[in-house]
Amino acid sequence: MVVKALREWKLACPKGDDGLVFPNGRGRVESRQNIVQRAWHPLQLRAGVAVPKLDQDGKPIEDEDGQVVMKPKYPGLHALRHFYCSWCAARPQDGGLGLPLKTVQDRVGHSTLAMTADRYGHLFPSQDDAEVLATGERALMGA
């Protein structure tokens, strides 16, 4: 499905000297700012990933119809990196891939396991300590 979509896009997309897959309208490299302003921010707003715009006093700004004006929750593209790491780490039953800590570290290029664990450790599966301790107690005490 992806290959078919890319083949169709290759025929339709603007042509340029660099042969880019996703060029701007002139076939050149698209600026990061355009990607953020014209794609990332509208995508978040359509998906409801937004927060109220606030005035200088910290109060929500309203439009002429009395509706609160919303802005994208995540201003930059770095949020996509956090999403990917979280998705890799989270348990499958929670919608993630359930990958081991070391695999996530390798995939995202963190220099240490500690960096990955400090940021995303709460998402990795953990065992119920009470059950583990009870099993150990039974093994040791013969109960």
Protein backbone atom coordinates (compact mmCIF):
# COMPACT_ATOMS: atom_id res chain seq x y z
CA MET A 1 0.00 0.00 0.00
CA VAL A 2 2.83 2.41 0.89
CA VAL A 3 4.83 1.50 -2.23
CA LYS A 4 1.76 2.08 -4.42
CA ALA A 5 1.10 5.47 -2.79
CA LEU A 6 4.74 6.50 -3.23
CA ARG A 7 4.72 5.47 -6.91
CA GLU A 8 1.60 7.57 -7.49
CA TRP A 9 3.14 10.48 -5.61
CA LYS A 10 6.35 10.22 -7.65
CA LEU A 11 4.33 10.85 -10.82
CA ALA A 12 2.37 13.75 -9.32
CA CYS A 13 4.91 15.55 -7.12
CA PRO A 14 6.84 18.64 -8.23
CA LYS A 15 10.06 17.72 -10.02
CA GLY A 16 13.43 19.16 -9.09
CA ASP A 17 17.11 18.60 -9.75
CA ASP A 18 17.59 16.83 -6.40
CA GLY A 19 14.98 14.10 -6.97
CA LEU A 20 13.37 14.69 -3.58
CA VAL A 21 10.50 12.49 -2.42
CA PHE A 22 8.67 15.31 -0.64
CA PRO A 23 9.78 18.58 -2.25
CA ASN A 24 8.15 21.96 -1.98
CA GLY A 25 6.06 23.29 -4.89
CA ARG A 26 9.20 24.21 -6.81
CA GLY A 27 10.87 20.81 -6.42
CA ARG A 28 13.27 22.07 -3.74
CA VAL A 29 13.81 21.21 -0.08
CA GLU A 30 10.83 22.22 2.04
CA SER A 31 11.74 24.45 4.96
CA ARG A 32 11.23 23.10 8.46
CA GLN A 33 9.14 26.14 9.36
CA ASN A 34 6.75 25.47 6.46
CA ILE A 35 6.37 21.84 7.54
CA VAL A 36 5.58 22.93 11.09
CA GLN A 37 3.23 25.80 10.18
CA ARG A 38 1.45 24.27 7.18
CA ALA A 39 1.29 20.61 8.20
CA TRP A 40 2.20 19.81 11.82
CA HIS A 41 0.15 22.55 13.50
CA PRO A 42 -3.02 22.10 11.38
CA LEU A 43 -2.79 18.33 11.85
CA GLN A 44 -2.78 18.72 15.63
CA LEU A 45 -5.67 21.16 15.56
CA ARG A 46 -7.78 18.82 13.39
CA ALA A 47 -6.95 15.93 15.74
CA GLY A 48 -7.89 17.96 18.82
CA VAL A 49 -4.35 17.95 20.19
CA ALA A 50 -4.62 21.57 21.25
CA VAL A 51 -4.63 23.94 24.19
CA PRO A 52 -6.29 27.33 24.63
CA LYS A 53 -4.40 30.41 23.46
CA LEU A 54 -3.86 32.66 26.44
CA ASP A 55 -3.60 36.41 26.73
CA GLN A 56 -0.84 38.17 28.66
CA ASP A 57 -2.81 37.67 31.90
CA GLY A 58 -3.06 33.92 31.35
CA LYS A 59 -6.76 33.97 30.43
CA PRO A 60 -8.12 32.10 27.37
CA ILE A 61 -8.58 34.24 24.28
CA GLU A 62 -12.03 34.09 22.67
CA ASP A 63 -12.98 34.77 19.06
CA GLU A 64 -15.84 37.07 18.01
CA ASP A 65 -18.32 34.19 18.55
CA GLY A 66 -17.18 33.62 22.13
CA GLN A 67 -15.33 30.40 21.28
CA VAL A 68 -11.96 29.80 22.93
CA VAL A 69 -9.15 30.10 20.37
CA MET A 70 -7.01 26.97 20.35
CA LYS A 71 -3.37 26.47 19.42
CA PRO A 72 -1.38 23.28 18.76
CA LYS A 73 -0.25 21.59 21.96
CA TYR A 74 3.22 20.76 20.58
CA PRO A 75 4.98 23.62 18.81
CA GLY A 76 7.85 21.62 17.31
CA LEU A 77 8.55 18.31 15.64
CA HIS A 78 10.47 16.92 18.63
CA ALA A 79 7.15 15.69 20.02
CA LEU A 80 7.15 13.07 17.26
CA ARG A 81 10.40 11.65 18.67
CA HIS A 82 8.81 11.36 22.13
CA PHE A 83 5.77 9.67 20.61
CA TYR A 84 7.98 7.13 18.82
CA CYS A 85 9.98 6.33 21.97
CA SER A 86 6.82 6.00 24.03
CA TRP A 87 5.21 3.76 21.42
CA CYS A 88 8.30 1.51 21.29
CA ALA A 89 8.42 1.20 25.08
CA ALA A 90 4.75 0.82 25.96
CA ARG A 91 3.21 -2.64 26.43
CA PRO A 92 1.28 -4.11 23.48
CA GLN A 93 -1.91 -4.19 25.56
CA ASP A 94 -1.45 -0.43 25.99
CA GLY A 95 -1.02 0.11 22.24
CA GLY A 96 2.77 -0.05 22.15
CA LEU A 97 5.39 -2.42 20.79
CA GLY A 98 6.72 -3.59 24.17
CA LEU A 99 10.35 -3.46 23.04
CA PRO A 100 13.20 -4.05 25.50
CA LEU A 101 14.95 -1.01 26.96
CA LYS A 102 18.18 -1.67 25.02
CA THR A 103 16.31 -1.92 21.71
CA VAL A 104 14.59 1.42 22.32
CA GLN A 105 17.93 2.99 23.25
CA ASP A 106 19.49 1.73 20.02
CA ARG A 107 16.58 2.84 17.86
CA VAL A 108 16.55 6.39 19.15
CA GLY A 109 20.29 6.83 19.54
CA HIS A 110 20.48 7.63 23.25
CA SER A 111 24.07 7.45 24.48
CA THR A 112 23.17 5.44 27.59
CA LEU A 113 20.49 3.08 28.85
CA ALA A 114 20.06 5.43 31.80
CA MET A 115 18.99 8.25 29.49
CA THR A 116 16.30 6.07 27.93
CA ALA A 117 15.19 4.65 31.29
CA ASP A 118 15.06 8.06 32.97
CA ARG A 119 12.81 9.49 30.27
CA TYR A 120 10.65 6.49 29.31
CA GLY A 121 11.13 3.96 32.14
CA HIS A 122 7.59 4.39 33.42
CA LEU A 123 6.30 2.93 30.15
CA PHE A 124 8.24 -0.33 30.26
CA PRO A 125 6.41 -3.39 31.55
CA SER A 126 6.99 -4.18 35.18
CA GLN A 127 6.03 -7.17 37.23
CA ASP A 128 3.74 -7.02 40.20
CA ASP A 129 6.22 -6.90 43.09
CA ALA A 130 3.73 -8.41 45.53
CA GLU A 131 3.37 -11.52 43.40
CA VAL A 132 7.15 -11.84 42.90
CA LEU A 133 7.79 -11.44 46.65
CA ALA A 134 5.07 -13.97 47.53
CA THR A 135 6.60 -16.48 45.10
CA GLY A 136 10.02 -15.94 46.67
CA GLU A 137 8.60 -16.32 50.16
CA ARG A 138 6.89 -19.60 49.24
CA ALA A 139 10.14 -20.90 47.72
CA LEU A 140 12.19 -19.95 50.77
CA MET A 141 9.70 -20.83 53.51
CA GLY A 142 8.06 -23.79 51.87
CA ALA A 143 4.63 -22.33 52.44
